Amino acid sequence: MASGNPFLDDVRSKPEVIDPPQNEDMMDVGESVNDSAQTALKPNVTVSSSVRELLECPVCLNAMYPPIHQCSNGHTLCSGCKPRVHNRPYNCPYAGSECTVIGDIPFLVAHLKDDHKVDMHNGSTFNHRYVKSNPHEVENATWMLTVFSCFGQYFCLHFEAFQLGMAPVYIAFLRFMGDDNEAKNYSYSLEVGGNGRKMIWQGVPRSIRDSHRKVRDSFDGLIIQRNMALFFSGGDRKELKLRVTGRIWKEQ
């Protein structure tokens, strides 16, 4: 379960060793303060306190000793807390309900398949057709989720309608079932078209650490305005018939 502590969000798997201060006077703050014969050292107390704060693990609040781990934003934590942060469970990525299930990736994959009846596919390419009889209804729109297994990882392909201003739009995007630092190793493209026109989106999958709503509301995906979606659908423009194709690849 996420802790809510900003220090926990993006710990790198490879530790960085930080050497402790070599100045014994700065480390032995108590002795300097309590020795009345060395009152001249009192101005150093503030500096010493700052050093102690820097060497305090933000998770357990104990003093840190090498190896000290550091995230990409410069936050540190001790070796004892690093496994707890790195292995914290994920929230269920299913978007069609307020599912409160948490767990590791294998557990969530089984949960999506057995409890949410999500379609599972092997491979890094896809070709999906989304059909809706009344594309003017957004409130009753169905969230579509498909899970793909490739490169030894799992990816969630989302497709849904939502309200943007006064008009409904459609969005498709990919999420990676893992942490953000791993998600950045992959890219994906989405393509939709019809009547001789085509729209293409290329991006990096977002980690399921980011909620479905957060990704959607940031417009980080293929966005199709309703009028364009109906144009792609052809016919009498009263039924949505979108074919979305795409692929996933691993960056070298």
C-alpha atoms as a PDB file:
ATOM      1  CA  MET A   1       0.000   0.000   0.000  1.00  0.00           C
ATOM      2  CA  ALA A   2       1.292   3.459  -0.864  1.00  0.00           C
ATOM      3  CA  SER A   3       2.528   5.281   2.205  1.00  0.00           C
ATOM      4  CA  GLY A   4       1.803   8.845   1.078  1.00  0.00           C
ATOM      5  CA  ASN A   5       5.355   9.846   1.961  1.00  0.00           C
ATOM      6  CA  PRO A   6       6.972  11.697  -0.986  1.00  0.00           C
ATOM      7  CA  PHE A   7      10.320  10.181  -0.046  1.00  0.00           C
ATOM      8  CA  LEU A   8       9.054   6.701  -0.999  1.00  0.00           C
ATOM      9  CA  ASP A   9       7.929   7.276  -4.575  1.00  0.00           C
ATOM     10  CA  ASP A  10      10.920   6.641  -6.800  1.00  0.00           C
ATOM     11  CA  VAL A  11      13.716   4.730  -5.118  1.00  0.00           C
ATOM     12  CA  ARG A  12      16.363   3.478  -7.492  1.00  0.00           C
ATOM     13  CA  SER A  13      17.261  -0.164  -7.290  1.00  0.00           C
ATOM     14  CA  LYS A  14      21.005   0.577  -7.371  1.00  0.00           C
ATOM     15  CA  PRO A  15      22.328   2.025  -4.127  1.00  0.00           C
ATOM     16  CA  GLU A  16      24.535   5.049  -3.930  1.00  0.00           C
ATOM     17  CA  VAL A  17      26.996   5.154  -1.057  1.00  0.00           C
ATOM     18  CA  ILE A  18      27.307   8.432   0.799  1.00  0.00           C
ATOM     19  CA  ASP A  19      30.332   8.807   3.050  1.00  0.00           C
ATOM     20  CA  PRO A  20      29.505  10.049   6.580  1.00  0.00           C
ATOM     21  CA  PRO A  21      31.001  13.350   7.746  1.00  0.00           C
ATOM     22  CA  GLN A  22      34.609  13.033   8.806  1.00  0.00           C
ATOM     23  CA  ASN A  23      34.553  15.934  11.304  1.00  0.00           C
ATOM     24  CA  GLU A  24      34.223  14.361  14.732  1.00  0.00           C
ATOM     25  CA  ASP A  25      33.287  17.691  16.317  1.00  0.00           C
ATOM     26  CA  MET A  26      30.193  17.883  14.128  1.00  0.00           C
ATOM     27  CA  MET A  27      29.092  14.342  14.929  1.00  0.00           C
ATOM     28  CA  ASP A  28      29.620  14.703  18.712  1.00  0.00           C
ATOM     29  CA  VAL A  29      27.176  17.529  19.241  1.00  0.00           C
ATOM     30  CA  GLY A  30      26.182  16.534  22.760  1.00  0.00           C
ATOM     31  CA  GLU A  31      29.727  16.587  24.083  1.00  0.00           C
ATOM     32  CA  SER A  32      30.383  20.055  22.677  1.00  0.00           C
ATOM     33  CA  VAL A  33      27.186  21.498  24.179  1.00  0.00           C
ATOM     34  CA  ASN A  34      27.598  19.954  27.640  1.00  0.00           C
ATOM     35  CA  ASP A  35      31.258  20.937  28.080  1.00  0.00           C
ATOM     36  CA  SER A  36      31.179  24.457  29.525  1.00  0.00           C
ATOM     37  CA  ALA A  37      34.866  24.800  28.820  1.00  0.00           C
ATOM     38  CA  GLN A  38      34.163  24.656  25.080  1.00  0.00           C
ATOM     39  CA  THR A  39      31.380  27.212  24.786  1.00  0.00           C
ATOM     40  CA  ALA A  40      33.159  28.608  21.764  1.00  0.00           C
ATOM     41  CA  LEU A  41      31.935  25.579  19.800  1.00  0.00           C
ATOM     42  CA  LYS A  42      28.266  26.397  20.375  1.00  0.00           C
ATOM     43  CA  PRO A  43      27.875  28.156  16.991  1.00  0.00           C
ATOM     44  CA  ASN A  44      28.573  24.768  15.399  1.00  0.00           C
ATOM     45  CA  VAL A  45      25.528  23.186  17.054  1.00  0.00           C
ATOM     46  CA  THR A  46      23.172  24.379  14.301  1.00  0.00           C
ATOM     47  CA  VAL A  47      25.431  22.965  11.611  1.00  0.00           C
ATOM     48  CA  SER A  48      25.701  19.664  13.498  1.00  0.00           C
ATOM     49  CA  SER A  49      21.923  19.413  13.829  1.00  0.00           C
ATOM     50  CA  SER A  50      21.539  19.908  10.094  1.00  0.00           C
ATOM     51  CA  VAL A  51      24.000  17.101   9.441  1.00  0.00           C
ATOM     52  CA  ARG A  52      22.068  14.799  11.764  1.00  0.00           C
ATOM     53  CA  GLU A  53      18.827  15.646   9.935  1.00  0.00           C
ATOM     54  CA  LEU A  54      20.443  14.846   6.589  1.00  0.00           C
ATOM     55  CA  LEU A  55      21.557  11.470   7.925  1.00  0.00           C
ATOM     56  CA  GLU A  56      18.135  10.609   9.365  1.00  0.00           C
ATOM     57  CA  CYS A  57      16.082   8.076   7.420  1.00  0.00           C
ATOM     58  CA  PRO A  58      12.708   9.692   6.563  1.00  0.00           C
ATOM     59  CA  VAL A  59      10.953   6.321   6.889  1.00  0.00           C
ATOM     60  CA  CYS A  60      12.135   4.928  10.254  1.00  0.00           C
ATOM     61  CA  LEU A  61      13.716   8.192  11.540  1.00  0.00           C
ATOM     62  CA  ASN A  62      16.868   6.339  12.602  1.00  0.00           C
ATOM     63  CA  ALA A  63      20.401   7.403  11.696  1.00  0.00           C
ATOM     64  CA  MET A  64      21.564   6.135   8.300  1.00  0.00           C
ATOM     65  CA  TYR A  65      24.887   4.397   7.693  1.00  0.00           C
ATOM     66  CA  PRO A  66      26.424   3.282   4.372  1.00  0.00           C
ATOM     67  CA  PRO A  67      25.138   2.034   2.068  1.00  0.00           C
ATOM     68  CA  ILE A  68      22.615   4.871   1.887  1.00  0.00           C
ATOM     69  CA  HIS A  69      20.081   4.699  -0.969  1.00  0.00           C
ATOM     70  CA  GLN A  70      19.039   7.736  -2.962  1.00  0.00           C
ATOM     71  CA  CYS A  71      16.179   8.330  -5.391  1.00  0.00           C
ATOM     72  CA  SER A  72      16.379  10.332  -8.623  1.00  0.00           C
ATOM     73  CA  ASN A  73      15.069  13.405  -6.773  1.00  0.00           C
ATOM     74  CA  GLY A  74      17.811  13.239  -4.159  1.00  0.00           C
ATOM     75  CA  HIS A  75      15.774  11.740  -1.307  1.00  0.00           C
ATOM     76  CA  THR A  76      17.609   9.214   0.867  1.00  0.00           C
ATOM     77  CA  LEU A  77      16.663   6.216   3.001  1.00  0.00           C
ATOM     78  CA  CYS A  78      18.470   3.494   4.879  1.00  0.00           C
ATOM     79  CA  SER A  79      19.180  -0.058   3.723  1.00  0.00           C
ATOM     80  CA  GLY A  80      16.624  -1.517   6.117  1.00  0.00           C
ATOM     81  CA  CYS A  81      13.743   0.522   4.713  1.00  0.00           C
ATOM     82  CA  LYS A  82      14.680   0.229   1.035  1.00  0.00           C
ATOM     83  CA  PRO A  83      13.126  -3.261   0.506  1.00  0.00           C
ATOM     84  CA  ARG A  84       9.912  -2.175   2.212  1.00  0.00           C
ATOM     85  CA  VAL A  85       9.556   0.802  -0.110  1.00  0.00           C
ATOM     86  CA  HIS A  86      10.565  -1.010  -3.294  1.00  0.00           C
ATOM     87  CA  ASN A  87       8.204  -3.945  -2.717  1.00  0.00           C
ATOM     88  CA  ARG A  88       5.092  -2.029  -1.650  1.00  0.00           C
ATOM     89  CA  PRO A  89       1.911  -3.400  -3.271  1.00  0.00           C
ATOM     90  CA  TYR A  90       0.080  -1.914  -6.255  1.00  0.00           C
ATOM     91  CA  ASN A  91      -3.551  -0.854  -6.510  1.00  0.00           C
ATOM     92  CA  CYS A  92      -5.815  -2.728  -8.906  1.00  0.00           C
ATOM     93  CA  PRO A  93      -5.615  -0.924 -12.287  1.00  0.00           C
ATOM     94  CA  TYR A  94      -9.218  -1.714 -13.254  1.00  0.00           C
ATOM     95  CA  ALA A  95     -10.955   1.561 -14.069  1.00  0.00           C
ATOM     96  CA  GLY A  96     -14.626   0.599 -14.344  1.00  0.00           C
ATOM     97  CA  SER A  97     -15.233   0.387 -10.589  1.00  0.00           C
ATOM     98  CA  GLU A  98     -13.737   1.548  -7.328  1.00  0.00           C
ATOM     99  CA  CYS A  99     -11.793  -1.666  -6.767  1.00  0.00           C
ATOM    100  CA  THR A 100      -9.839  -1.632  -3.498  1.00  0.00           C
ATOM    101  CA  VAL A 101      -7.781  -4.789  -4.129  1.00  0.00           C
ATOM    102  CA  ILE A 102      -4.009  -4.421  -3.753  1.00  0.00           C
ATOM    103  CA  GLY A 103      -1.164  -6.848  -4.355  1.00  0.00           C
ATOM    104  CA  ASP A 104       1.910  -7.660  -6.392  1.00  0.00           C
ATOM    105  CA  ILE A 105       1.808  -7.902 -10.188  1.00  0.00           C
ATOM    106  CA  PRO A 106       1.174 -11.690 -10.518  1.00  0.00           C
ATOM    107  CA  PHE A 107      -1.664 -11.433  -8.003  1.00  0.00           C
ATOM    108  CA  LEU A 108      -3.246  -8.461  -9.793  1.00  0.00           C
ATOM    109  CA  VAL A 109      -2.986 -10.161 -13.202  1.00  0.00           C
ATOM    110  CA  ALA A 110      -4.896 -13.168 -11.830  1.00  0.00           C
ATOM    111  CA  HIS A 111      -7.373 -10.829 -10.123  1.00  0.00           C
ATOM    112  CA  LEU A 112      -8.072  -8.916 -13.356  1.00  0.00           C
ATOM    113  CA  LYS A 113      -8.625 -12.149 -15.243  1.00  0.00           C
ATOM    114  CA  ASP A 114     -10.747 -13.991 -12.686  1.00  0.00           C
ATOM    115  CA  ASP A 115     -12.680 -11.210 -10.934  1.00  0.00           C
ATOM    116  CA  HIS A 116     -12.980  -8.478 -13.574  1.00  0.00           C
ATOM    117  CA  LYS A 117     -13.039 -10.875 -16.567  1.00  0.00           C
ATOM    118  CA  VAL A 118     -10.509  -8.717 -18.406  1.00  0.00           C
ATOM    119  CA  ASP A 119      -9.325  -9.945 -21.814  1.00  0.00           C
ATOM    120  CA  MET A 120      -5.742 -11.216 -21.739  1.00  0.00           C
ATOM    121  CA  HIS A 121      -3.529 -11.250 -24.825  1.00  0.00           C
ATOM    122  CA  ASN A 122       0.023 -12.340 -25.557  1.00  0.00           C
ATOM    123  CA  GLY A 123       2.092 -10.239 -27.924  1.00  0.00           C
ATOM    124  CA  SER A 124       3.210  -6.677 -28.502  1.00  0.00           C
ATOM    125  CA  THR A 125       0.756  -5.686 -31.272  1.00  0.00           C
ATOM    126  CA  PHE A 126      -2.986  -5.202 -31.096  1.00  0.00           C
ATOM    127  CA  ASN A 127      -5.979  -4.459 -33.280  1.00  0.00           C
ATOM    128  CA  HIS A 128      -9.190  -3.585 -31.422  1.00  0.00           C
ATOM    129  CA  ARG A 129     -12.617  -2.461 -32.575  1.00  0.00           C
ATOM    130  CA  TYR A 130     -14.748  -0.339 -30.261  1.00  0.00           C
ATOM    131  CA  VAL A 131     -18.465  -0.140 -31.052  1.00  0.00           C
ATOM    132  CA  LYS A 132     -21.113   1.938 -29.256  1.00  0.00           C
ATOM    133  CA  SER A 133     -24.685   2.297 -30.423  1.00  0.00           C
ATOM    134  CA  ASN A 134     -25.165   5.827 -29.032  1.00  0.00           C
ATOM    135  CA  PRO A 135     -21.896   7.788 -29.031  1.00  0.00           C
ATOM    136  CA  HIS A 136     -23.697  10.845 -27.578  1.00  0.00           C
ATOM    137  CA  GLU A 137     -23.994   9.165 -24.183  1.00  0.00           C
ATOM    138  CA  VAL A 138     -20.978   9.682 -21.960  1.00  0.00           C
ATOM    139  CA  GLU A 139     -22.490   9.010 -18.556  1.00  0.00           C
ATOM    140  CA  ASN A 140     -23.132   5.364 -19.419  1.00  0.00           C
ATOM    141  CA  ALA A 141     -19.882   4.830 -21.279  1.00  0.00           C
ATOM    142  CA  THR A 142     -18.178   1.513 -20.653  1.00  0.00           C
ATOM    143  CA  TRP A 143     -14.525   1.451 -19.679  1.00  0.00           C
ATOM    144  CA  MET A 144     -12.569  -0.975 -21.824  1.00  0.00           C
ATOM    145  CA  LEU A 145      -9.467  -2.651 -20.428  1.00  0.00           C
ATOM    146  CA  THR A 146      -7.242  -5.224 -22.101  1.00  0.00           C
ATOM    147  CA  VAL A 147      -4.053  -6.683 -20.616  1.00  0.00           C
ATOM    148  CA  PHE A 148      -1.100  -7.551 -22.849  1.00  0.00           C
ATOM    149  CA  SER A 149       1.811  -9.779 -21.925  1.00  0.00           C
ATOM    150  CA  CYS A 150       5.084  -9.128 -23.760  1.00  0.00           C
ATOM    151  CA  PHE A 151       8.780  -8.719 -22.996  1.00  0.00           C
ATOM    152  CA  GLY A 152       8.146 -10.545 -19.712  1.00  0.00           C
ATOM    153  CA  GLN A 153       5.925  -7.656 -18.530  1.00  0.00           C
ATOM    154  CA  TYR A 154       2.219  -6.764 -18.421  1.00  0.00           C
ATOM    155  CA  PHE A 155       0.565  -3.690 -19.955  1.00  0.00           C
ATOM    156  CA  CYS A 156      -2.976  -2.310 -19.570  1.00  0.00           C
ATOM    157  CA  LEU A 157      -4.652  -0.785 -22.629  1.00  0.00           C
ATOM    158  CA  HIS A 158      -7.471   1.600 -21.648  1.00  0.00           C
ATOM    159  CA  PHE A 159     -10.193   3.026 -23.885  1.00  0.00           C
ATOM    160  CA  GLU A 160     -13.095   5.165 -22.710  1.00  0.00           C
ATOM    161  CA  ALA A 161     -15.281   8.195 -23.294  1.00  0.00           C
ATOM    162  CA  PHE A 162     -15.234  11.185 -20.948  1.00  0.00           C
ATOM    163  CA  GLN A 163     -16.448  14.762 -20.891  1.00  0.00           C
ATOM    164  CA  LEU A 164     -13.983  17.468 -21.946  1.00  0.00           C
ATOM    165  CA  GLY A 165     -15.701  20.813 -21.498  1.00  0.00           C
ATOM    166  CA  MET A 166     -19.131  20.484 -23.100  1.00  0.00           C
ATOM    167  CA  ALA A 167     -18.255  17.744 -25.569  1.00  0.00           C
ATOM    168  CA  PRO A 168     -17.509  14.042 -25.071  1.00  0.00           C
ATOM    169  CA  VAL A 169     -14.167  12.770 -26.311  1.00  0.00           C
ATOM    170  CA  TYR A 170     -12.557   9.353 -26.489  1.00  0.00           C
ATOM    171  CA  ILE A 171      -9.129   8.466 -25.155  1.00  0.00           C
ATOM    172  CA  ALA A 172      -6.875   5.435 -25.432  1.00  0.00           C
ATOM    173  CA  PHE A 173      -3.677   5.013 -23.426  1.00  0.00           C
ATOM    174  CA  LEU A 174      -1.327   2.361 -22.073  1.00  0.00           C
ATOM    175  CA  ARG A 175      -0.219   1.741 -18.494  1.00  0.00           C
ATOM    176  CA  PHE A 176       2.694  -0.398 -17.348  1.00  0.00           C
ATOM    177  CA  MET A 177       2.154  -2.909 -14.553  1.00  0.00           C
ATOM    178  CA  GLY A 178       5.239  -1.960 -12.559  1.00  0.00           C
ATOM    179  CA  ASP A 179       7.144   1.086 -11.379  1.00  0.00           C
ATOM    180  CA  ASP A 180       7.833   4.246 -13.350  1.00  0.00           C
ATOM    181  CA  ASN A 181      11.569   3.638 -13.652  1.00  0.00           C
ATOM    182  CA  GLU A 182      10.825   0.374 -15.483  1.00  0.00           C
ATOM    183  CA  ALA A 183       7.998   1.851 -17.574  1.00  0.00           C
ATOM    184  CA  LYS A 184      10.455   4.284 -19.153  1.00  0.00           C
ATOM    185  CA  ASN A 185      12.196   1.350 -20.840  1.00  0.00           C
ATOM    186  CA  TYR A 186       9.193   0.912 -23.172  1.00  0.00           C
ATOM    187  CA  SER A 187       7.312   2.917 -25.779  1.00  0.00           C
ATOM    188  CA  TYR A 188       4.060   2.404 -27.621  1.00  0.00           C
ATOM    189  CA  SER A 189       2.067   3.765 -30.540  1.00  0.00           C
ATOM    190  CA  LEU A 190      -1.682   3.954 -31.180  1.00  0.00           C
ATOM    191  CA  GLU A 191      -3.384   4.547 -34.506  1.00  0.00           C
ATOM    192  CA  VAL A 192      -7.001   5.198 -35.450  1.00  0.00           C
ATOM    193  CA  GLY A 193      -8.426   6.175 -38.826  1.00  0.00           C
ATOM    194  CA  GLY A 194     -11.046   5.844 -41.510  1.00  0.00           C
ATOM    195  CA  ASN A 195     -12.278   7.480 -44.701  1.00  0.00           C
ATOM    196  CA  GLY A 196      -8.703   8.068 -45.816  1.00  0.00           C
ATOM    197  CA  ARG A 197      -7.694   9.890 -42.612  1.00  0.00           C
ATOM    198  CA  LYS A 198      -5.468   8.725 -39.779  1.00  0.00           C
ATOM    199  CA  MET A 199      -4.391   9.828 -36.292  1.00  0.00           C
ATOM    200  CA  ILE A 200      -1.249   8.438 -34.616  1.00  0.00           C
ATOM    201  CA  TRP A 201      -0.079   8.758 -31.028  1.00  0.00           C
ATOM    202  CA  GLN A 202       3.298   7.701 -29.646  1.00  0.00           C
ATOM    203  CA  GLY A 203       4.299   7.816 -26.010  1.00  0.00           C
ATOM    204  CA  VAL A 204       5.729   6.097 -22.959  1.00  0.00           C
ATOM    205  CA  PRO A 205       3.388   3.928 -20.871  1.00  0.00           C
ATOM    206  CA  ARG A 206       2.573   5.326 -17.446  1.00  0.00           C
ATOM    207  CA  SER A 207       3.086   3.207 -14.354  1.00  0.00           C
ATOM    208  CA  ILE A 208      -0.014   1.896 -12.599  1.00  0.00           C
ATOM    209  CA  ARG A 209       1.341   3.813  -9.600  1.00  0.00           C
ATOM    210  CA  ASP A 210      -0.378   6.707 -11.401  1.00  0.00           C
ATOM    211  CA  SER A 211      -4.116   6.240 -11.148  1.00  0.00           C
ATOM    212  CA  HIS A 212      -6.222   5.726 -14.238  1.00  0.00           C
ATOM    213  CA  ARG A 213      -7.961   9.054 -13.611  1.00  0.00           C
ATOM    214  CA  LYS A 214      -4.650  10.918 -13.241  1.00  0.00           C
ATOM    215  CA  VAL A 215      -3.430   9.634 -16.615  1.00  0.00           C
ATOM    216  CA  ARG A 216      -6.743  10.335 -18.305  1.00  0.00           C
ATOM    217  CA  ASP A 217      -7.098  13.849 -16.902  1.00  0.00           C
ATOM    218  CA  SER A 218      -3.558  14.710 -18.036  1.00  0.00           C
ATOM    219  CA  PHE A 219      -4.600  13.758 -21.618  1.00  0.00           C
ATOM    220  CA  ASP A 220      -1.542  11.508 -21.879  1.00  0.00           C
ATOM    221  CA  GLY A 221      -2.822   9.351 -24.716  1.00  0.00           C
ATOM    222  CA  LEU A 222      -4.611   9.236 -28.057  1.00  0.00           C
ATOM    223  CA  ILE A 223      -7.530  11.695 -27.807  1.00  0.00           C
ATOM    224  CA  ILE A 224     -10.290  11.590 -30.413  1.00  0.00           C
ATOM    225  CA  GLN A 225     -12.948  14.301 -30.580  1.00  0.00           C
ATOM    226  CA  ARG A 226     -16.478  12.938 -31.026  1.00  0.00           C
ATOM    227  CA  ASN A 227     -17.001  14.509 -34.446  1.00  0.00           C
ATOM    228  CA  MET A 228     -13.735  13.021 -35.689  1.00  0.00           C
ATOM    229  CA  ALA A 229     -14.597   9.658 -34.128  1.00  0.00           C
ATOM    230  CA  LEU A 230     -17.932   9.647 -35.962  1.00  0.00           C
ATOM    231  CA  PHE A 231     -16.165  10.634 -39.179  1.00  0.00           C
ATOM    232  CA  PHE A 232     -13.793   7.683 -38.750  1.00  0.00           C
ATOM    233  CA  SER A 233     -16.805   5.446 -38.077  1.00  0.00           C
ATOM    234  CA  GLY A 234     -18.423   6.266 -41.428  1.00  0.00           C
ATOM    235  CA  GLY A 235     -22.036   5.407 -42.190  1.00  0.00           C
ATOM    236  CA  ASP A 236     -24.811   7.629 -40.834  1.00  0.00           C
ATOM    237  CA  ARG A 237     -22.682   8.949 -37.939  1.00  0.00           C
ATOM    238  CA  LYS A 238     -25.097   7.460 -35.391  1.00  0.00           C
ATOM    239  CA  GLU A 239     -22.918   4.570 -34.278  1.00  0.00           C
ATOM    240  CA  LEU A 240     -19.342   4.562 -33.038  1.00  0.00           C
ATOM    241  CA  LYS A 241     -17.125   2.083 -34.875  1.00  0.00           C
ATOM    242  CA  LEU A 242     -13.492   2.780 -34.101  1.00  0.00           C
ATOM    243  CA  ARG A 243     -10.608   0.480 -34.939  1.00  0.00           C
ATOM    244  CA  VAL A 244      -7.549   1.181 -32.787  1.00  0.00           C
ATOM    245  CA  THR A 245      -4.286  -0.536 -33.680  1.00  0.00           C
ATOM    246  CA  GLY A 246      -0.918  -0.254 -32.012  1.00  0.00           C
ATOM    247  CA  ARG A 247       2.252  -1.860 -30.825  1.00  0.00           C
ATOM    248  CA  ILE A 248       4.595  -1.914 -27.834  1.00  0.00           C
ATOM    249  CA  TRP A 249       8.364  -2.029 -28.059  1.00  0.00           C
ATOM    250  CA  LYS A 250      11.338  -2.002 -25.752  1.00  0.00           C
ATOM    251  CA  GLU A 251      13.814   0.841 -26.064  1.00  0.00           C
ATOM    252  CA  GLN A 252      17.429  -0.166 -26.680  1.00  0.00           C
END
